[in-house]
C-alpha cells in the first residue's frame, strides 16, 4: 500500500475527505518524527513502539571491490511490533 492508498482508505473508513485524511496522516507522521528526534520512545498500545537506537561504528566491505570501509556510528529509528499486531499478521 502506498501513502495515497492509505489516505484513500482512511478517508473512506472515517467518512471524511481525502484532504482531511492527508492532513491527519501527515500530522501523525510528523509527531512521530518529532518524538524520535528528541530521542523519546513512542508507544501505540497494541500496535507497537517507535524508538531510536545507537549503532556503533563498524567495518564493512564494498561489494564491488571487496575493499574494507569504515561505517560511521549513527542513530537509527527502530520499531517493535506490539502483541496485537503480531497476532493479526500471523
PDB file of N, CA and C in Angstrom:
ATOM      1  N   UNK A   1       0.849  -1.177   0.000  1.00  0.00           N
ATOM      2  CA  UNK A   1       0.000   0.000   0.000  1.00  0.00           C
ATOM      3  C   UNK A   1       0.890   1.234   0.000  1.00  0.00           C
ATOM      4  N   UNK A   2       0.482   2.216  -0.752  1.00  0.00           N
ATOM      5  CA  UNK A   2       1.212   3.482  -0.807  1.00  0.00           C
ATOM      6  C   UNK A   2       0.555   4.488   0.138  1.00  0.00           C
ATOM      7  N   UNK A   3       1.215   5.630   0.296  1.00  0.00           N
ATOM      8  CA  UNK A   3       0.651   6.679   1.147  1.00  0.00           C
ATOM      9  C   UNK A   3      -0.702   7.141   0.601  1.00  0.00           C
ATOM     10  N   UNK A   4      -0.799   7.276  -0.714  1.00  0.00           N
ATOM     11  CA  UNK A   4      -2.064   7.691  -1.332  1.00  0.00           C
ATOM     12  C   UNK A   4      -3.165   6.660  -1.073  1.00  0.00           C
ATOM     13  N   UNK A   5      -2.810   5.390  -1.135  1.00  0.00           N
ATOM     14  CA  UNK A   5      -3.777   4.327  -0.857  1.00  0.00           C
ATOM     15  C   UNK A   5      -4.230   4.349   0.594  1.00  0.00           C
ATOM     16  N   UNK A   6      -3.296   4.607   1.499  1.00  0.00           N
ATOM     17  CA  UNK A   6      -3.637   4.692   2.916  1.00  0.00           C
ATOM     18  C   UNK A   6      -4.560   5.875   3.178  1.00  0.00           C
ATOM     19  N   UNK A   7      -4.279   6.999   2.555  1.00  0.00           N
ATOM     20  CA  UNK A   7      -5.123   8.194   2.710  1.00  0.00           C
ATOM     21  C   UNK A   7      -6.534   7.905   2.211  1.00  0.00           C
ATOM     22  N   UNK A   8      -6.636   7.271   1.053  1.00  0.00           N
ATOM     23  CA  UNK A   8      -7.954   6.943   0.499  1.00  0.00           C
ATOM     24  C   UNK A   8      -8.711   5.978   1.412  1.00  0.00           C
ATOM     25  N   UNK A   9      -8.018   5.008   1.953  1.00  0.00           N
ATOM     26  CA  UNK A   9      -8.643   4.031   2.849  1.00  0.00           C
ATOM     27  C   UNK A   9      -9.143   4.684   4.133  1.00  0.00           C
ATOM     28  N   UNK A  10      -8.326   5.554   4.721  1.00  0.00           N
ATOM     29  CA  UNK A  10      -8.724   6.259   5.947  1.00  0.00           C
ATOM     30  C   UNK A  10      -9.911   7.175   5.663  1.00  0.00           C
ATOM     31  N   UNK A  11      -9.872   7.880   4.549  1.00  0.00           N
ATOM     32  CA  UNK A  11     -10.965   8.787   4.186  1.00  0.00           C
ATOM     33  C   UNK A  11     -12.273   8.025   4.036  1.00  0.00           C
ATOM     34  N   UNK A  12     -12.214   6.882   3.370  1.00  0.00           N
ATOM     35  CA  UNK A  12     -13.424   6.079   3.161  1.00  0.00           C
ATOM     36  C   UNK A  12     -13.944   5.504   4.475  1.00  0.00           C
ATOM     37  N   UNK A  13     -13.044   4.952   5.290  1.00  0.00           N
ATOM     38  CA  UNK A  13     -13.440   4.317   6.550  1.00  0.00           C
ATOM     39  C   UNK A  13     -14.008   5.324   7.549  1.00  0.00           C
ATOM     40  N   UNK A  14     -13.434   6.515   7.602  1.00  0.00           N
ATOM     41  CA  UNK A  14     -13.865   7.538   8.560  1.00  0.00           C
ATOM     42  C   UNK A  14     -14.916   8.487   7.978  1.00  0.00           C
ATOM     43  N   UNK A  15     -15.225   8.298   6.700  1.00  0.00           N
ATOM     44  CA  UNK A  15     -16.201   9.152   6.003  1.00  0.00           C
ATOM     45  C   UNK A  15     -15.814  10.628   6.091  1.00  0.00           C
ATOM     46  N   UNK A  16     -14.555  10.890   5.734  1.00  0.00           N
ATOM     47  CA  UNK A  16     -14.037  12.256   5.686  1.00  0.00           C
ATOM     48  C   UNK A  16     -13.412  12.473   4.315  1.00  0.00           C
ATOM     49  N   UNK A  17     -13.078  13.716   4.006  1.00  0.00           N
ATOM     50  CA  UNK A  17     -12.451  13.999   2.714  1.00  0.00           C
ATOM     51  C   UNK A  17     -11.008  13.497   2.708  1.00  0.00           C
ATOM     52  N   UNK A  18     -10.503  13.293   1.494  1.00  0.00           N
ATOM     53  CA  UNK A  18      -9.109  12.854   1.358  1.00  0.00           C
ATOM     54  C   UNK A  18      -8.155  13.925   1.866  1.00  0.00           C
ATOM     55  N   UNK A  19      -8.539  15.195   1.715  1.00  0.00           N
ATOM     56  CA  UNK A  19      -7.682  16.296   2.178  1.00  0.00           C
ATOM     57  C   UNK A  19      -7.514  16.252   3.695  1.00  0.00           C
ATOM     58  N   UNK A  20      -8.598  16.013   4.410  1.00  0.00           N
ATOM     59  CA  UNK A  20      -8.527  15.931   5.879  1.00  0.00           C
ATOM     60  C   UNK A  20      -7.748  14.689   6.294  1.00  0.00           C
ATOM     61  N   UNK A  21      -7.973  13.580   5.602  1.00  0.00           N
ATOM     62  CA  UNK A  21      -7.244  12.348   5.913  1.00  0.00           C
ATOM     63  C   UNK A  21      -5.745  12.543   5.681  1.00  0.00           C
ATOM     64  N   UNK A  22      -5.381  13.257   4.618  1.00  0.00           N
ATOM     65  CA  UNK A  22      -3.970  13.509   4.340  1.00  0.00           C
ATOM     66  C   UNK A  22      -3.350  14.399   5.412  1.00  0.00           C
ATOM     67  N   UNK A  23      -4.055  15.451   5.830  1.00  0.00           N
ATOM     68  CA  UNK A  23      -3.552  16.321   6.895  1.00  0.00           C
ATOM     69  C   UNK A  23      -3.362  15.532   8.184  1.00  0.00           C
ATOM     70  N   UNK A  24      -4.306  14.653   8.479  1.00  0.00           N
ATOM     71  CA  UNK A  24      -4.226  13.833   9.691  1.00  0.00           C
ATOM     72  C   UNK A  24      -3.020  12.901   9.641  1.00  0.00           C
ATOM     73  N   UNK A  25      -2.842  12.200   8.530  1.00  0.00           N
ATOM     74  CA  UNK A  25      -1.708  11.287   8.383  1.00  0.00           C
ATOM     75  C   UNK A  25      -0.386  12.038   8.459  1.00  0.00           C
ATOM     76  N   UNK A  26      -0.315  13.195   7.794  1.00  0.00           N
ATOM     77  CA  UNK A  26       0.905  13.999   7.847  1.00  0.00           C
ATOM     78  C   UNK A  26       1.208  14.462   9.269  1.00  0.00           C
ATOM     79  N   UNK A  27       0.163  14.805  10.020  1.00  0.00           N
ATOM     80  CA  UNK A  27       0.342  15.219  11.407  1.00  0.00           C
ATOM     81  C   UNK A  27       0.864  14.066  12.263  1.00  0.00           C
ATOM     82  N   UNK A  28       0.313  12.885  12.066  1.00  0.00           N
ATOM     83  CA  UNK A  28       0.753  11.714  12.840  1.00  0.00           C
ATOM     84  C   UNK A  28       2.221  11.413  12.543  1.00  0.00           C
ATOM     85  N   UNK A  29       2.583  11.343  11.272  1.00  0.00           N
ATOM     86  CA  UNK A  29       3.979  11.032  10.934  1.00  0.00           C
ATOM     87  C   UNK A  29       4.925  12.139  11.392  1.00  0.00           C
ATOM     88  N   UNK A  30       4.481  13.383  11.320  1.00  0.00           N
ATOM     89  CA  UNK A  30       5.296  14.499  11.790  1.00  0.00           C
ATOM     90  C   UNK A  30       5.541  14.413  13.293  1.00  0.00           C
ATOM     91  N   UNK A  31       4.517  14.079  14.049  1.00  0.00           N
ATOM     92  CA  UNK A  31       4.664  13.979  15.502  1.00  0.00           C
ATOM     93  C   UNK A  31       5.505  12.779  15.908  1.00  0.00           C
ATOM     94  N   UNK A  32       5.428  11.686  15.168  1.00  0.00           N
ATOM     95  CA  UNK A  32       6.308  10.535  15.436  1.00  0.00           C
ATOM     96  C   UNK A  32       7.753  10.947  15.181  1.00  0.00           C
ATOM     97  N   UNK A  33       7.986  11.644  14.082  1.00  0.00           N
ATOM     98  CA  UNK A  33       9.333  12.111  13.743  1.00  0.00           C
ATOM     99  C   UNK A  33       9.879  13.050  14.811  1.00  0.00           C
ATOM    100  N   UNK A  34       9.057  13.994  15.270  1.00  0.00           N
ATOM    101  CA  UNK A  34       9.489  14.934  16.315  1.00  0.00           C
ATOM    102  C   UNK A  34       9.879  14.196  17.591  1.00  0.00           C
ATOM    103  N   UNK A  35       9.071  13.206  17.977  1.00  0.00           N
ATOM    104  CA  UNK A  35       9.366  12.438  19.189  1.00  0.00           C
ATOM    105  C   UNK A  35      10.691  11.695  19.042  1.00  0.00           C
ATOM    106  N   UNK A  36      10.927  11.095  17.879  1.00  0.00           N
ATOM    107  CA  UNK A  36      12.172  10.356  17.665  1.00  0.00           C
ATOM    108  C   UNK A  36      13.380  11.290  17.597  1.00  0.00           C
ATOM    109  N   UNK A  37      13.198  12.504  17.063  1.00  0.00           N
ATOM    110  CA  UNK A  37      14.301  13.477  17.039  1.00  0.00           C
ATOM    111  C   UNK A  37      14.726  13.844  18.450  1.00  0.00           C
ATOM    112  N   UNK A  38      13.762  13.869  19.385  1.00  0.00           N
ATOM    113  CA  UNK A  38      14.064  14.166  20.791  1.00  0.00           C
ATOM    114  C   UNK A  38      14.586  12.930  21.515  1.00  0.00           C
ATOM    115  N   UNK A  39      14.688  11.819  20.774  1.00  0.00           N
ATOM    116  CA  UNK A  39      15.113  10.527  21.315  1.00  0.00           C
ATOM    117  C   UNK A  39      14.115   9.976  22.336  1.00  0.00           C
ATOM    118  N   UNK A  40      12.847  10.381  22.190  1.00  0.00           N
ATOM    119  CA  UNK A  40      11.774   9.840  23.020  1.00  0.00           C
ATOM    120  C   UNK A  40      11.303   8.518  22.435  1.00  0.00           C
ATOM    121  N   UNK A  41      10.653   7.727  23.266  1.00  0.00           N
ATOM    122  CA  UNK A  41      10.046   6.480  22.831  1.00  0.00           C
ATOM    123  C   UNK A  41       8.555   6.733  22.691  1.00  0.00           C
ATOM    124  N   UNK A  42       7.945   6.269  21.615  1.00  0.00           N
ATOM    125  CA  UNK A  42       6.524   6.468  21.368  1.00  0.00           C
ATOM    126  C   UNK A  42       5.847   5.108  21.290  1.00  0.00           C
ATOM    127  N   UNK A  43       4.892   4.860  22.186  1.00  0.00           N
ATOM    128  CA  UNK A  43       4.204   3.576  22.225  1.00  0.00           C
ATOM    129  C   UNK A  43       2.748   3.751  21.843  1.00  0.00           C
ATOM    130  N   UNK A  44       2.308   2.977  20.859  1.00  0.00           N
ATOM    131  CA  UNK A  44       0.904   2.895  20.480  1.00  0.00           C
ATOM    132  C   UNK A  44       0.442   1.512  20.927  1.00  0.00           C
ATOM    133  N   UNK A  45      -0.261   1.466  22.034  1.00  0.00           N
ATOM    134  CA  UNK A  45      -0.648   0.207  22.654  1.00  0.00           C
ATOM    135  C   UNK A  45      -1.341  -0.702  21.649  1.00  0.00           C
ATOM    136  N   UNK A  46      -0.863  -1.928  21.555  1.00  0.00           N
ATOM    137  CA  UNK A  46      -1.412  -2.914  20.643  1.00  0.00           C
ATOM    138  C   UNK A  46      -0.784  -2.868  19.265  1.00  0.00           C
ATOM    139  N   UNK A  47      -0.280  -1.702  18.856  1.00  0.00           N
ATOM    140  CA  UNK A  47       0.326  -1.570  17.528  1.00  0.00           C
ATOM    141  C   UNK A  47       1.828  -1.772  17.588  1.00  0.00           C
ATOM    142  N   UNK A  48       2.516  -0.991  18.456  1.00  0.00           N
ATOM    143  CA  UNK A  48       3.954  -1.144  18.565  1.00  0.00           C
ATOM    144  C   UNK A  48       4.623   0.063  19.177  1.00  0.00           C
ATOM    145  N   UNK A  49       5.945   0.005  19.231  1.00  0.00           N
ATOM    146  CA  UNK A  49       6.742   1.048  19.857  1.00  0.00           C
ATOM    147  C   UNK A  49       7.804   1.545  18.884  1.00  0.00           C
ATOM    148  N   UNK A  50       7.857   2.859  18.710  1.00  0.00           N
ATOM    149  CA  UNK A  50       8.889   3.503  17.922  1.00  0.00           C
ATOM    150  C   UNK A  50       9.953   3.999  18.894  1.00  0.00           C
ATOM    151  N   UNK A  51      11.220   3.802  18.554  1.00  0.00           N
ATOM    152  CA  UNK A  51      12.307   4.276  19.410  1.00  0.00           C
ATOM    153  C   UNK A  51      13.533   4.546  18.532  1.00  0.00           C
ATOM    154  N   UNK A  52      14.588   5.038  19.152  1.00  0.00           N
ATOM    155  CA  UNK A  52      15.848   5.238  18.446  1.00  0.00           C
ATOM    156  C   UNK A  52      16.922   4.381  19.101  1.00  0.00           C
ATOM    157  N   UNK A  53      17.901   3.988  18.313  1.00  0.00           N
ATOM    158  CA  UNK A  53      18.995   3.169  18.821  1.00  0.00           C
ATOM    159  C   UNK A  53      20.306   3.710  18.266  1.00  0.00           C
ATOM    160  N   UNK A  54      21.361   3.571  19.048  1.00  0.00           N
ATOM    161  CA  UNK A  54      22.692   3.963  18.591  1.00  0.00           C
ATOM    162  C   UNK A  54      23.343   2.754  17.944  1.00  0.00           C
ATOM    163  N   UNK A  55      23.869   2.963  16.764  1.00  0.00           N
ATOM    164  CA  UNK A  55      24.577   1.905  16.061  1.00  0.00           C
ATOM    165  C   UNK A  55      26.063   2.255  16.101  1.00  0.00           C
ATOM    166  N   UNK A  56      26.887   1.332  16.576  1.00  0.00           N
ATOM    167  CA  UNK A  56      28.325   1.585  16.692  1.00  0.00           C
ATOM    168  C   UNK A  56      28.985   1.620  15.328  1.00  0.00           C
ATOM    169  N   UNK A  57      30.139   2.268  15.280  1.00  0.00           N
ATOM    170  CA  UNK A  57      30.946   2.258  14.060  1.00  0.00           C
ATOM    171  C   UNK A  57      31.412   0.833  13.811  1.00  0.00           C
ATOM    172  N   UNK A  58      31.506   0.484  12.540  1.00  0.00           N
ATOM    173  CA  UNK A  58      31.904  -0.889  12.224  1.00  0.00           C
ATOM    174  C   UNK A  58      32.623  -0.915  10.879  1.00  0.00           C
ATOM    175  N   UNK A  59      33.242  -2.045  10.603  1.00  0.00           N
ATOM    176  CA  UNK A  59      33.955  -2.225   9.344  1.00  0.00           C
ATOM    177  C   UNK A  59      33.050  -3.021   8.408  1.00  0.00           C
ATOM    178  N   UNK A  60      32.927  -2.539   7.177  1.00  0.00           N
ATOM    179  CA  UNK A  60      32.133  -3.239   6.173  1.00  0.00           C
ATOM    180  C   UNK A  60      32.973  -3.460   4.930  1.00  0.00           C
ATOM    181  N   UNK A  61      32.336  -3.996   3.910  1.00  0.00           N
ATOM    182  CA  UNK A  61      33.039  -4.251   2.652  1.00  0.00           C
ATOM    183  C   UNK A  61      32.285  -3.619   1.496  1.00  0.00           C
ATOM    184  N   UNK A  62      33.039  -3.044   0.580  1.00  0.00           N
ATOM    185  CA  UNK A  62      32.464  -2.540  -0.656  1.00  0.00           C
ATOM    186  C   UNK A  62      32.161  -3.765  -1.520  1.00  0.00           C
ATOM    187  N   UNK A  63      30.881  -4.009  -1.859  1.00  0.00           N
ATOM    188  CA  UNK A  63      30.557  -5.223  -2.596  1.00  0.00           C
ATOM    189  C   UNK A  63      31.146  -5.271  -4.012  1.00  0.00           C
ATOM    190  N   UNK A  64      31.459  -4.117  -4.597  1.00  0.00           N
ATOM    191  CA  UNK A  64      32.024  -4.114  -5.951  1.00  0.00           C
ATOM    192  C   UNK A  64      33.511  -4.427  -5.963  1.00  0.00           C
ATOM    193  N   UNK A  65      34.240  -3.873  -4.983  1.00  0.00           N
ATOM    194  CA  UNK A  65      35.692  -4.048  -4.996  1.00  0.00           C
ATOM    195  C   UNK A  65      36.187  -5.005  -3.924  1.00  0.00           C
ATOM    196  N   UNK A  66      35.379  -5.233  -2.900  1.00  0.00           N
ATOM    197  CA  UNK A  66      35.810  -6.089  -1.801  1.00  0.00           C
ATOM    198  C   UNK A  66      36.666  -5.355  -0.786  1.00  0.00           C
ATOM    199  N   UNK A  67      36.917  -4.071  -1.015  1.00  0.00           N
ATOM    200  CA  UNK A  67      37.752  -3.279  -0.111  1.00  0.00           C
ATOM    201  C   UNK A  67      37.008  -3.016   1.204  1.00  0.00           C
ATOM    202  N   UNK A  68      37.762  -2.997   2.292  1.00  0.00           N
ATOM    203  CA  UNK A  68      37.166  -2.691   3.597  1.00  0.00           C
ATOM    204  C   UNK A  68      36.880  -1.198   3.690  1.00  0.00           C
ATOM    205  N   UNK A  69      35.738  -0.867   4.282  1.00  0.00           N
ATOM    206  CA  UNK A  69      35.380   0.529   4.516  1.00  0.00           C
ATOM    207  C   UNK A  69      34.913   0.667   5.952  1.00  0.00           C
ATOM    208  N   UNK A  70      35.048   1.853   6.493  1.00  0.00           N
ATOM    209  CA  UNK A  70      34.583   2.123   7.852  1.00  0.00           C
ATOM    210  C   UNK A  70      33.212   2.771   7.764  1.00  0.00           C
ATOM    211  N   UNK A  71      32.250   2.170   8.453  1.00  0.00           N
ATOM    212  CA  UNK A  71      30.898   2.708   8.506  1.00  0.00           C
ATOM    213  C   UNK A  71      30.787   3.470   9.823  1.00  0.00           C
ATOM    214  N   UNK A  72      30.424   4.751   9.733  1.00  0.00           N
ATOM    215  CA  UNK A  72      30.377   5.609  10.909  1.00  0.00           C
ATOM    216  C   UNK A  72      29.261   5.196  11.867  1.00  0.00           C
ATOM    217  N   UNK A  73      29.434   5.555  13.136  1.00  0.00           N
ATOM    218  CA  UNK A  73      28.379   5.358  14.124  1.00  0.00           C
ATOM    219  C   UNK A  73      27.209   6.278  13.781  1.00  0.00           C
ATOM    220  N   UNK A  74      26.003   5.845  14.063  1.00  0.00           N
ATOM    221  CA  UNK A  74      24.843   6.672  13.763  1.00  0.00           C
ATOM    222  C   UNK A  74      23.672   6.296  14.673  1.00  0.00           C
ATOM    223  N   UNK A  75      22.656   7.115  14.620  1.00  0.00           N
ATOM    224  CA  UNK A  75      21.428   6.852  15.362  1.00  0.00           C
ATOM    225  C   UNK A  75      20.360   6.477  14.341  1.00  0.00           C
ATOM    226  N   UNK A  76      19.658   5.371  14.577  1.00  0.00           N
ATOM    227  CA  UNK A  76      18.664   4.880  13.623  1.00  0.00           C
ATOM    228  C   UNK A  76      17.315   4.685  14.318  1.00  0.00           C
ATOM    229  N   UNK A  77      16.221   4.859  13.571  1.00  0.00           N
ATOM    230  CA  UNK A  77      14.901   4.593  14.143  1.00  0.00           C
ATOM    231  C   UNK A  77      14.650   3.091  14.209  1.00  0.00           C
ATOM    232  N   UNK A  78      13.889   2.671  15.231  1.00  0.00           N
ATOM    233  CA  UNK A  78      13.532   1.261  15.395  1.00  0.00           C
ATOM    234  C   UNK A  78      12.029   1.161  15.617  1.00  0.00           C
ATOM    235  N   UNK A  79      11.463   0.037  15.249  1.00  0.00           N
ATOM    236  CA  UNK A  79      10.055  -0.238  15.504  1.00  0.00           C
ATOM    237  C   UNK A  79       9.933  -1.653  16.029  1.00  0.00           C
ATOM    238  N   UNK A  80       9.240  -1.794  17.151  1.00  0.00           N
ATOM    239  CA  UNK A  80       8.992  -3.116  17.723  1.00  0.00           C
ATOM    240  C   UNK A  80       7.482  -3.328  17.693  1.00  0.00           C
ATOM    241  N   UNK A  81       7.004  -4.293  16.924  1.00  0.00           N
ATOM    242  CA  UNK A  81       5.558  -4.502  16.834  1.00  0.00           C
ATOM    243  C   UNK A  81       4.966  -4.964  18.157  1.00  0.00           C
ATOM    244  N   UNK A  82       3.713  -4.541  18.401  1.00  0.00           N
ATOM    245  CA  UNK A  82       3.005  -4.928  19.605  1.00  0.00           C
ATOM    246  C   UNK A  82       2.386  -6.308  19.469  1.00  0.00           C
ATOM    247  N   UNK A  83       1.895  -6.834  20.565  1.00  0.00           N
ATOM    248  CA  UNK A  83       1.338  -8.168  20.622  1.00  0.00           C
ATOM    249  C   UNK A  83       0.151  -8.328  19.660  1.00  0.00           C
ATOM    250  N   UNK A  84      -0.762  -7.347  19.647  1.00  0.00           N
ATOM    251  CA  UNK A  84      -1.941  -7.428  18.799  1.00  0.00           C
ATOM    252  C   UNK A  84      -1.570  -7.388  17.315  1.00  0.00           C
ATOM    253  N   UNK A  85      -0.581  -6.576  16.940  1.00  0.00           N
ATOM    254  CA  UNK A  85      -0.143  -6.503  15.546  1.00  0.00           C
ATOM    255  C   UNK A  85       0.485  -7.825  15.119  1.00  0.00           C
ATOM    256  N   UNK A  86       1.317  -8.393  15.972  1.00  0.00           N
ATOM    257  CA  UNK A  86       1.938  -9.678  15.675  1.00  0.00           C
ATOM    258  C   UNK A  86       0.877 -10.754  15.468  1.00  0.00           C
ATOM    259  N   UNK A  87      -0.116 -10.748  16.331  1.00  0.00           N
ATOM    260  CA  UNK A  87      -1.173 -11.751  16.255  1.00  0.00           C
ATOM    261  C   UNK A  87      -2.005 -11.587  14.977  1.00  0.00           C
ATOM    262  N   UNK A  88      -2.290 -10.338  14.593  1.00  0.00           N
ATOM    263  CA  UNK A  88      -3.093 -10.062  13.413  1.00  0.00           C
ATOM    264  C   UNK A  88      -2.364 -10.495  12.136  1.00  0.00           C
ATOM    265  N   UNK A  89      -1.051 -10.345  12.122  1.00  0.00           N
ATOM    266  CA  UNK A  89      -0.270 -10.649  10.928  1.00  0.00           C
ATOM    267  C   UNK A  89      -0.036 -12.154  10.769  1.00  0.00           C
ATOM    268  N   UNK A  90       0.129 -12.858  11.865  1.00  0.00           N
ATOM    269  CA  UNK A  90       0.443 -14.290  11.769  1.00  0.00           C
ATOM    270  C   UNK A  90      -0.769 -15.158  11.682  1.00  0.00           C
TER     271      UNK A  90
END
